[in-house]
Amino acid sequence: QLLKDNNYQEQNKVLLQLHAFKHIQMDNFVVQSKALWEL
């Protein structure tokens, strides 16, 4: 944790953002439509 906190803060932020993509509701029609609009 000390190594991560001292040297990998920016990378950890990016990983958290990437991790959020795993939780996109693929079956949700609204999500599908908004994703197409943003594509």
ModelCIF file with pLDDT and N, C-alpha, C, O atoms, coordinates in Angstrom:
data_MODEL
#
_entry.id   MODEL 
#
_entity.id                         1 
_entity.type                       polymer 
_entity.pdbx_number_of_molecules   1 
#
_entity_poly.entity_id                      1 
_entity_poly.type                           'polypeptide(L)' 
_entity_poly.nstd_linkage                   no 
_entity_poly.nstd_monomer                   no 
_entity_poly.pdbx_seq_one_letter_code       QLLKDNNYQEQNKVLLQLHAFKHIQMDNFVVQSKALWEL 
_entity_poly.pdbx_seq_one_letter_code_can   QLLKDNNYQEQNKVLLQLHAFKHIQMDNFVVQSKALWEL 
_entity_poly.pdbx_strand_id                 A 
#
loop_
_entity_poly_seq.entity_id 
_entity_poly_seq.num 
_entity_poly_seq.mon_id 
_entity_poly_seq.hetero 
1 1  GLN n 
1 2  LEU n 
1 3  LEU n 
1 4  LYS n 
1 5  ASP n 
1 6  ASN n 
1 7  ASN n 
1 8  TYR n 
1 9  GLN n 
1 10 GLU n 
1 11 GLN n 
1 12 ASN n 
1 13 LYS n 
1 14 VAL n 
1 15 LEU n 
1 16 LEU n 
1 17 GLN n 
1 18 LEU n 
1 19 HIS n 
1 20 ALA n 
1 21 PHE n 
1 22 LYS n 
1 23 HIS n 
1 24 ILE n 
1 25 GLN n 
1 26 MET n 
1 27 ASP n 
1 28 ASN n 
1 29 PHE n 
1 30 VAL n 
1 31 VAL n 
1 32 GLN n 
1 33 SER n 
1 34 LYS n 
1 35 ALA n 
1 36 LEU n 
1 37 TRP n 
1 38 GLU n 
1 39 LEU n 
#
_struct_asym.id          A 
_struct_asym.entity_id   1 
#
loop_
_ma_qa_metric.id 
_ma_qa_metric.mode 
_ma_qa_metric.name 
_ma_qa_metric.software_group_id 
_ma_qa_metric.type 
1 global pLDDT . pLDDT 
2 local  pLDDT . pLDDT 
#
_ma_qa_metric_global.metric_id      1 
_ma_qa_metric_global.metric_value   89.23 
_ma_qa_metric_global.model_id       1 
_ma_qa_metric_global.ordinal_id     1 
#
loop_
_ma_qa_metric_local.label_asym_id 
_ma_qa_metric_local.label_comp_id 
_ma_qa_metric_local.label_seq_id 
_ma_qa_metric_local.metric_id 
_ma_qa_metric_local.metric_value 
_ma_qa_metric_local.model_id 
_ma_qa_metric_local.ordinal_id 
A GLN 1  2 94.00 1 1  
A LEU 2  2 93.00 1 2  
A LEU 3  2 92.00 1 3  
A LYS 4  2 91.00 1 4  
A ASP 5  2 91.00 1 5  
A ASN 6  2 90.00 1 6  
A ASN 7  2 90.00 1 7  
A TYR 8  2 90.00 1 8  
A GLN 9  2 88.00 1 9  
A GLU 10 2 90.00 1 10 
A GLN 11 2 89.00 1 11 
A ASN 12 2 85.00 1 12 
A LYS 13 2 88.00 1 13 
A VAL 14 2 89.00 1 14 
A LEU 15 2 86.00 1 15 
A LEU 16 2 86.00 1 16 
A GLN 17 2 88.00 1 17 
A LEU 18 2 87.00 1 18 
A HIS 19 2 85.00 1 19 
A ALA 20 2 87.00 1 20 
A PHE 21 2 89.00 1 21 
A LYS 22 2 88.00 1 22 
A HIS 23 2 89.00 1 23 
A ILE 24 2 90.00 1 24 
A GLN 25 2 91.00 1 25 
A MET 26 2 91.00 1 26 
A ASP 27 2 91.00 1 27 
A ASN 28 2 88.00 1 28 
A PHE 29 2 88.00 1 29 
A VAL 30 2 90.00 1 30 
A VAL 31 2 88.00 1 31 
A GLN 32 2 91.00 1 32 
A SER 33 2 92.00 1 33 
A LYS 34 2 90.00 1 34 
A ALA 35 2 87.00 1 35 
A LEU 36 2 91.00 1 36 
A TRP 37 2 92.00 1 37 
A GLU 38 2 89.00 1 38 
A LEU 39 2 86.00 1 39 
#
loop_
_atom_site.group_PDB 
_atom_site.id 
_atom_site.type_symbol 
_atom_site.label_atom_id 
_atom_site.label_alt_id 
_atom_site.label_comp_id 
_atom_site.label_asym_id 
_atom_site.label_entity_id 
_atom_site.label_seq_id 
_atom_site.pdbx_PDB_ins_code 
_atom_site.Cartn_x 
_atom_site.Cartn_y 
_atom_site.Cartn_z 
_atom_site.occupancy 
_atom_site.B_iso_or_equiv 
_atom_site.pdbx_formal_charge 
_atom_site.auth_seq_id 
_atom_site.auth_comp_id 
_atom_site.auth_asym_id 
_atom_site.auth_atom_id 
_atom_site.pdbx_PDB_model_num 
ATOM 1   N N  . GLN A 1 1  ? 0.828   -1.206 0.000   1.00 94.00 ? 1  GLN A N  1 
ATOM 2   C CA . GLN A 1 1  ? 0.000   0.000  0.000   1.00 94.00 ? 1  GLN A CA 1 
ATOM 3   C C  . GLN A 1 1  ? 0.862   1.255  0.000   1.00 94.00 ? 1  GLN A C  1 
ATOM 4   O O  . GLN A 1 1  ? 0.536   2.229  -0.678  1.00 94.00 ? 1  GLN A O  1 
ATOM 5   N N  . LEU A 1 2  ? 1.947   1.242  0.746   1.00 93.00 ? 2  LEU A N  1 
ATOM 6   C CA . LEU A 1 2  ? 2.863   2.377  0.794   1.00 93.00 ? 2  LEU A CA 1 
ATOM 7   C C  . LEU A 1 2  ? 3.494   2.626  -0.578  1.00 93.00 ? 2  LEU A C  1 
ATOM 8   O O  . LEU A 1 2  ? 3.573   3.767  -1.034  1.00 93.00 ? 2  LEU A O  1 
ATOM 9   N N  . LEU A 1 3  ? 3.939   1.558  -1.226  1.00 92.00 ? 3  LEU A N  1 
ATOM 10  C CA . LEU A 1 3  ? 4.524   1.683  -2.566  1.00 92.00 ? 3  LEU A CA 1 
ATOM 11  C C  . LEU A 1 3  ? 3.488   2.235  -3.548  1.00 92.00 ? 3  LEU A C  1 
ATOM 12  O O  . LEU A 1 3  ? 3.785   3.129  -4.341  1.00 92.00 ? 3  LEU A O  1 
ATOM 13  N N  . LYS A 1 4  ? 2.277   1.694  -3.484  1.00 91.00 ? 4  LYS A N  1 
ATOM 14  C CA . LYS A 1 4  ? 1.205   2.153  -4.378  1.00 91.00 ? 4  LYS A CA 1 
ATOM 15  C C  . LYS A 1 4  ? 0.875   3.623  -4.134  1.00 91.00 ? 4  LYS A C  1 
ATOM 16  O O  . LYS A 1 4  ? 0.764   4.404  -5.079  1.00 91.00 ? 4  LYS A O  1 
ATOM 17  N N  . ASP A 1 5  ? 0.721   3.993  -2.877  1.00 91.00 ? 5  ASP A N  1 
ATOM 18  C CA . ASP A 1 5  ? 0.343   5.369  -2.542  1.00 91.00 ? 5  ASP A CA 1 
ATOM 19  C C  . ASP A 1 5  ? 1.427   6.369  -2.911  1.00 91.00 ? 5  ASP A C  1 
ATOM 20  O O  . ASP A 1 5  ? 1.123   7.492  -3.313  1.00 91.00 ? 5  ASP A O  1 
ATOM 21  N N  . ASN A 1 6  ? 2.687   5.974  -2.778  1.00 90.00 ? 6  ASN A N  1 
ATOM 22  C CA . ASN A 1 6  ? 3.788   6.893  -3.060  1.00 90.00 ? 6  ASN A CA 1 
ATOM 23  C C  . ASN A 1 6  ? 4.149   6.990  -4.542  1.00 90.00 ? 6  ASN A C  1 
ATOM 24  O O  . ASN A 1 6  ? 4.655   8.020  -4.987  1.00 90.00 ? 6  ASN A O  1 
ATOM 25  N N  . ASN A 1 7  ? 3.893   5.925  -5.310  1.00 90.00 ? 7  ASN A N  1 
ATOM 26  C CA . ASN A 1 7  ? 4.411   5.904  -6.680  1.00 90.00 ? 7  ASN A CA 1 
ATOM 27  C C  . ASN A 1 7  ? 3.391   5.631  -7.776  1.00 90.00 ? 7  ASN A C  1 
ATOM 28  O O  . ASN A 1 7  ? 3.712   5.781  -8.955  1.00 90.00 ? 7  ASN A O  1 
ATOM 29  N N  . TYR A 1 8  ? 2.186   5.239  -7.427  1.00 90.00 ? 8  TYR A N  1 
ATOM 30  C CA . TYR A 1 8  ? 1.238   4.802  -8.453  1.00 90.00 ? 8  TYR A CA 1 
ATOM 31  C C  . TYR A 1 8  ? -0.137  5.439  -8.311  1.00 90.00 ? 8  TYR A C  1 
ATOM 32  O O  . TYR A 1 8  ? -1.137  4.805  -8.648  1.00 90.00 ? 8  TYR A O  1 
ATOM 33  N N  . GLN A 1 9  ? -0.219  6.678  -7.820  1.00 88.00 ? 9  GLN A N  1 
ATOM 34  C CA . GLN A 1 9  ? -1.512  7.330  -7.612  1.00 88.00 ? 9  GLN A CA 1 
ATOM 35  C C  . GLN A 1 9  ? -2.242  7.601  -8.922  1.00 88.00 ? 9  GLN A C  1 
ATOM 36  O O  . GLN A 1 9  ? -3.435  7.315  -9.030  1.00 88.00 ? 9  GLN A O  1 
ATOM 37  N N  . GLU A 1 10 ? -1.553  8.146  -9.914  1.00 90.00 ? 10 GLU A N  1 
ATOM 38  C CA . GLU A 1 10 ? -2.194  8.454  -11.201 1.00 90.00 ? 10 GLU A CA 1 
ATOM 39  C C  . GLU A 1 10 ? -2.687  7.188  -11.884 1.00 90.00 ? 10 GLU A C  1 
ATOM 40  O O  . GLU A 1 10 ? -3.797  7.157  -12.413 1.00 90.00 ? 10 GLU A O  1 
ATOM 41  N N  . GLN A 1 11 ? -1.869  6.148  -11.874 1.00 89.00 ? 11 GLN A N  1 
ATOM 42  C CA . GLN A 1 11 ? -2.247  4.896  -12.506 1.00 89.00 ? 11 GLN A CA 1 
ATOM 43  C C  . GLN A 1 11 ? -3.446  4.283  -11.799 1.00 89.00 ? 11 GLN A C  1 
ATOM 44  O O  . GLN A 1 11 ? -4.317  3.695  -12.440 1.00 89.00 ? 11 GLN A O  1 
ATOM 45  N N  . ASN A 1 12 ? -3.492  4.420  -10.480 1.00 85.00 ? 12 ASN A N  1 
ATOM 46  C CA . ASN A 1 12 ? -4.609  3.877  -9.717  1.00 85.00 ? 12 ASN A CA 1 
ATOM 47  C C  . ASN A 1 12 ? -5.914  4.589  -10.082 1.00 85.00 ? 12 ASN A C  1 
ATOM 48  O O  . ASN A 1 12 ? -6.967  3.957  -10.159 1.00 85.00 ? 12 ASN A O  1 
ATOM 49  N N  . LYS A 1 13 ? -5.842  5.895  -10.305 1.00 88.00 ? 13 LYS A N  1 
ATOM 50  C CA . LYS A 1 13 ? -7.038  6.646  -10.722 1.00 88.00 ? 13 LYS A CA 1 
ATOM 51  C C  . LYS A 1 13 ? -7.549  6.123  -12.060 1.00 88.00 ? 13 LYS A C  1 
ATOM 52  O O  . LYS A 1 13 ? -8.752  5.940  -12.246 1.00 88.00 ? 13 LYS A O  1 
ATOM 53  N N  . VAL A 1 14 ? -6.629  5.884  -12.987 1.00 89.00 ? 14 VAL A N  1 
ATOM 54  C CA . VAL A 1 14 ? -7.020  5.374  -14.311 1.00 89.00 ? 14 VAL A CA 1 
ATOM 55  C C  . VAL A 1 14 ? -7.636  3.977  -14.172 1.00 89.00 ? 14 VAL A C  1 
ATOM 56  O O  . VAL A 1 14 ? -8.648  3.675  -14.806 1.00 89.00 ? 14 VAL A O  1 
ATOM 57  N N  . LEU A 1 15 ? -7.024  3.132  -13.344 1.00 86.00 ? 15 LEU A N  1 
ATOM 58  C CA . LEU A 1 15 ? -7.569  1.790  -13.157 1.00 86.00 ? 15 LEU A CA 1 
ATOM 59  C C  . LEU A 1 15 ? -8.977  1.830  -12.565 1.00 86.00 ? 15 LEU A C  1 
ATOM 60  O O  . LEU A 1 15 ? -9.840  1.040  -12.947 1.00 86.00 ? 15 LEU A O  1 
ATOM 61  N N  . LEU A 1 16 ? -9.201  2.744  -11.643 1.00 86.00 ? 16 LEU A N  1 
ATOM 62  C CA . LEU A 1 16 ? -10.550 2.879  -11.070 1.00 86.00 ? 16 LEU A CA 1 
ATOM 63  C C  . LEU A 1 16 ? -11.551 3.300  -12.142 1.00 86.00 ? 16 LEU A C  1 
ATOM 64  O O  . LEU A 1 16 ? -12.682 2.816  -12.169 1.00 86.00 ? 16 LEU A O  1 
ATOM 65  N N  . GLN A 1 17 ? -11.125 4.205  -13.023 1.00 88.00 ? 17 GLN A N  1 
ATOM 66  C CA . GLN A 1 17 ? -12.004 4.617  -14.123 1.00 88.00 ? 17 GLN A CA 1 
ATOM 67  C C  . GLN A 1 17 ? -12.267 3.441  -15.063 1.00 88.00 ? 17 GLN A C  1 
ATOM 68  O O  . GLN A 1 17 ? -13.397 3.247  -15.511 1.00 88.00 ? 17 GLN A O  1 
ATOM 69  N N  . LEU A 1 18 ? -11.242 2.665  -15.359 1.00 87.00 ? 18 LEU A N  1 
ATOM 70  C CA . LEU A 1 18 ? -11.421 1.498  -16.230 1.00 87.00 ? 18 LEU A CA 1 
ATOM 71  C C  . LEU A 1 18 ? -12.321 0.453  -15.575 1.00 87.00 ? 18 LEU A C  1 
ATOM 72  O O  . LEU A 1 18 ? -13.142 -0.182 -16.237 1.00 87.00 ? 18 LEU A O  1 
ATOM 73  N N  . HIS A 1 19 ? -12.153 0.288  -14.275 1.00 85.00 ? 19 HIS A N  1 
ATOM 74  C CA . HIS A 1 19 ? -12.971 -0.678 -13.536 1.00 85.00 ? 19 HIS A CA 1 
ATOM 75  C C  . HIS A 1 19 ? -14.455 -0.315 -13.612 1.00 85.00 ? 19 HIS A C  1 
ATOM 76  O O  . HIS A 1 19 ? -15.313 -1.198 -13.632 1.00 85.00 ? 19 HIS A O  1 
ATOM 77  N N  . ALA A 1 20 ? -14.752 0.970  -13.653 1.00 87.00 ? 20 ALA A N  1 
ATOM 78  C CA . ALA A 1 20 ? -16.147 1.416  -13.742 1.00 87.00 ? 20 ALA A CA 1 
ATOM 79  C C  . ALA A 1 20 ? -16.795 0.951  -15.044 1.00 87.00 ? 20 ALA A C  1 
ATOM 80  O O  . ALA A 1 20 ? -18.006 0.738  -15.089 1.00 87.00 ? 20 ALA A O  1 
ATOM 81  N N  . PHE A 1 21 ? -15.998 0.793  -16.102 1.00 89.00 ? 21 PHE A N  1 
ATOM 82  C CA . PHE A 1 21 ? -16.552 0.343  -17.381 1.00 89.00 ? 21 PHE A CA 1 
ATOM 83  C C  . PHE A 1 21 ? -17.069 -1.094 -17.304 1.00 89.00 ? 21 PHE A C  1 
ATOM 84  O O  . PHE A 1 21 ? -17.956 -1.477 -18.066 1.00 89.00 ? 21 PHE A O  1 
ATOM 85  N N  . LYS A 1 22 ? -16.516 -1.885 -16.385 1.00 88.00 ? 22 LYS A N  1 
ATOM 86  C CA . LYS A 1 22 ? -16.971 -3.267 -16.227 1.00 88.00 ? 22 LYS A CA 1 
ATOM 87  C C  . LYS A 1 22 ? -18.424 -3.328 -15.748 1.00 88.00 ? 22 LYS A C  1 
ATOM 88  O O  . LYS A 1 22 ? -19.117 -4.322 -15.963 1.00 88.00 ? 22 LYS A O  1 
ATOM 89  N N  . HIS A 1 23 ? -18.870 -2.263 -15.104 1.00 89.00 ? 23 HIS A N  1 
ATOM 90  C CA . HIS A 1 23 ? -20.199 -2.274 -14.482 1.00 89.00 ? 23 HIS A CA 1 
ATOM 91  C C  . HIS A 1 23 ? -21.265 -1.595 -15.343 1.00 89.00 ? 23 HIS A C  1 
ATOM 92  O O  . HIS A 1 23 ? -22.362 -1.314 -14.859 1.00 89.00 ? 23 HIS A O  1 
ATOM 93  N N  . ILE A 1 24 ? -20.960 -1.334 -16.589 1.00 90.00 ? 24 ILE A N  1 
ATOM 94  C CA . ILE A 1 24 ? -21.965 -0.750 -17.481 1.00 90.00 ? 24 ILE A CA 1 
ATOM 95  C C  . ILE A 1 24 ? -23.057 -1.787 -17.704 1.00 90.00 ? 24 ILE A C  1 
ATOM 96  O O  . ILE A 1 24 ? -22.768 -2.953 -17.971 1.00 90.00 ? 24 ILE A O  1 
ATOM 97  N N  . GLN A 1 25 ? -24.288 -1.368 -17.596 1.00 91.00 ? 25 GLN A N  1 
ATOM 98  C CA . GLN A 1 25 ? -25.439 -2.279 -17.725 1.00 91.00 ? 25 GLN A CA 1 
ATOM 99  C C  . GLN A 1 25 ? -25.702 -2.549 -19.205 1.00 91.00 ? 25 GLN A C  1 
ATOM 100 O O  . GLN A 1 25 ? -26.417 -1.795 -19.864 1.00 91.00 ? 25 GLN A O  1 
ATOM 101 N N  . MET A 1 26 ? -25.123 -3.623 -19.714 1.00 91.00 ? 26 MET A N  1 
ATOM 102 C CA . MET A 1 26 ? -25.188 -3.944 -21.143 1.00 91.00 ? 26 MET A CA 1 
ATOM 103 C C  . MET A 1 26 ? -26.625 -4.232 -21.612 1.00 91.00 ? 26 MET A C  1 
ATOM 104 O O  . MET A 1 26 ? -26.943 -4.011 -22.781 1.00 91.00 ? 26 MET A O  1 
ATOM 105 N N  . ASP A 1 27 ? -27.480 -4.713 -20.731 1.00 91.00 ? 27 ASP A N  1 
ATOM 106 C CA . ASP A 1 27 ? -28.855 -5.072 -21.106 1.00 91.00 ? 27 ASP A CA 1 
ATOM 107 C C  . ASP A 1 27 ? -29.823 -3.903 -21.012 1.00 91.00 ? 27 ASP A C  1 
ATOM 108 O O  . ASP A 1 27 ? -30.985 -4.035 -21.397 1.00 91.00 ? 27 ASP A O  1 
ATOM 109 N N  . ASN A 1 28 ? -29.372 -2.771 -20.512 1.00 88.00 ? 28 ASN A N  1 
ATOM 110 C CA . ASN A 1 28 ? -30.245 -1.619 -20.300 1.00 88.00 ? 28 ASN A CA 1 
ATOM 111 C C  . ASN A 1 28 ? -30.403 -0.842 -21.609 1.00 88.00 ? 28 ASN A C  1 
ATOM 112 O O  . ASN A 1 28 ? -29.419 -0.387 -22.192 1.00 88.00 ? 28 ASN A O  1 
ATOM 113 N N  . PHE A 1 29 ? -31.653 -0.696 -22.067 1.00 88.00 ? 29 PHE A N  1 
ATOM 114 C CA . PHE A 1 29 ? -31.951 -0.031 -23.335 1.00 88.00 ? 29 PHE A CA 1 
ATOM 115 C C  . PHE A 1 29 ? -31.508 1.437  -23.318 1.00 88.00 ? 29 PHE A C  1 
ATOM 116 O O  . PHE A 1 29 ? -31.002 1.938  -24.322 1.00 88.00 ? 29 PHE A O  1 
ATOM 117 N N  . VAL A 1 30 ? -31.693 2.130  -22.187 1.00 90.00 ? 30 VAL A N  1 
ATOM 118 C CA . VAL A 1 30 ? -31.286 3.533  -22.072 1.00 90.00 ? 30 VAL A CA 1 
ATOM 119 C C  . VAL A 1 30 ? -29.769 3.639  -22.202 1.00 90.00 ? 30 VAL A C  1 
ATOM 120 O O  . VAL A 1 30 ? -29.261 4.521  -22.894 1.00 90.00 ? 30 VAL A O  1 
ATOM 121 N N  . VAL A 1 31 ? -29.059 2.753  -21.545 1.00 88.00 ? 31 VAL A N  1 
ATOM 122 C CA . VAL A 1 31 ? -27.594 2.747  -21.615 1.00 88.00 ? 31 VAL A CA 1 
ATOM 123 C C  . VAL A 1 31 ? -27.155 2.492  -23.052 1.00 88.00 ? 31 VAL A C  1 
ATOM 124 O O  . VAL A 1 31 ? -26.245 3.157  -23.547 1.00 88.00 ? 31 VAL A O  1 
ATOM 125 N N  . GLN A 1 32 ? -27.788 1.544  -23.723 1.00 91.00 ? 32 GLN A N  1 
ATOM 126 C CA . GLN A 1 32 ? -27.440 1.230  -25.106 1.00 91.00 ? 32 GLN A CA 1 
ATOM 127 C C  . GLN A 1 32 ? -27.633 2.458  -26.007 1.00 91.00 ? 32 GLN A C  1 
ATOM 128 O O  . GLN A 1 32 ? -26.776 2.768  -26.835 1.00 91.00 ? 32 GLN A O  1 
ATOM 129 N N  . SER A 1 33 ? -28.760 3.148  -25.838 1.00 92.00 ? 33 SER A N  1 
ATOM 130 C CA . SER A 1 33 ? -29.059 4.316  -26.662 1.00 92.00 ? 33 SER A CA 1 
ATOM 131 C C  . SER A 1 33 ? -28.070 5.456  -26.392 1.00 92.00 ? 33 SER A C  1 
ATOM 132 O O  . SER A 1 33 ? -27.553 6.073  -27.324 1.00 92.00 ? 33 SER A O  1 
ATOM 133 N N  . LYS A 1 34 ? -27.811 5.727  -25.101 1.00 90.00 ? 34 LYS A N  1 
ATOM 134 C CA . LYS A 1 34 ? -26.882 6.800  -24.755 1.00 90.00 ? 34 LYS A CA 1 
ATOM 135 C C  . LYS A 1 34 ? -25.473 6.496  -25.264 1.00 90.00 ? 34 LYS A C  1 
ATOM 136 O O  . LYS A 1 34 ? -24.766 7.391  -25.727 1.00 90.00 ? 34 LYS A O  1 
ATOM 137 N N  . ALA A 1 35 ? -25.075 5.227  -25.175 1.00 87.00 ? 35 ALA A N  1 
ATOM 138 C CA . ALA A 1 35 ? -23.743 4.835  -25.646 1.00 87.00 ? 35 ALA A CA 1 
ATOM 139 C C  . ALA A 1 35 ? -23.618 5.058  -27.150 1.00 87.00 ? 35 ALA A C  1 
ATOM 140 O O  . ALA A 1 35 ? -22.589 5.534  -27.629 1.00 87.00 ? 35 ALA A O  1 
ATOM 141 N N  . LEU A 1 36 ? -24.655 4.717  -27.882 1.00 91.00 ? 36 LEU A N  1 
ATOM 142 C CA . LEU A 1 36 ? -24.641 4.962  -29.328 1.00 91.00 ? 36 LEU A CA 1 
ATOM 143 C C  . LEU A 1 36 ? -24.564 6.452  -29.627 1.00 91.00 ? 36 LEU A C  1 
ATOM 144 O O  . LEU A 1 36 ? -23.852 6.866  -30.542 1.00 91.00 ? 36 LEU A O  1 
ATOM 145 N N  . TRP A 1 37 ? -25.287 7.253  -28.868 1.00 92.00 ? 37 TRP A N  1 
ATOM 146 C CA . TRP A 1 37 ? -25.285 8.701  -29.057 1.00 92.00 ? 37 TRP A CA 1 
ATOM 147 C C  . TRP A 1 37 ? -23.898 9.290  -28.793 1.00 92.00 ? 37 TRP A C  1 
ATOM 148 O O  . TRP A 1 37 ? -23.476 10.226 -29.472 1.00 92.00 ? 37 TRP A O  1 
ATOM 149 N N  . GLU A 1 38 ? -23.182 8.731  -27.791 1.00 89.00 ? 38 GLU A N  1 
ATOM 150 C CA . GLU A 1 38 ? -21.851 9.217  -27.421 1.00 89.00 ? 38 GLU A CA 1 
ATOM 151 C C  . GLU A 1 38 ? -20.743 8.657  -28.311 1.00 89.00 ? 38 GLU A C  1 
ATOM 152 O O  . GLU A 1 38 ? -19.627 9.176  -28.304 1.00 89.00 ? 38 GLU A O  1 
ATOM 153 N N  . LEU A 1 39 ? -21.039 7.596  -29.084 1.00 86.00 ? 39 LEU A N  1 
ATOM 154 C CA . LEU A 1 39 ? -20.008 6.918  -29.857 1.00 86.00 ? 39 LEU A CA 1 
ATOM 155 C C  . LEU A 1 39 ? -19.261 7.816  -30.842 1.00 86.00 ? 39 LEU A C  1 
ATOM 156 O O  . LEU A 1 39 ? -18.367 7.349  -31.548 1.00 86.00 ? 39 LEU A O  1 
#
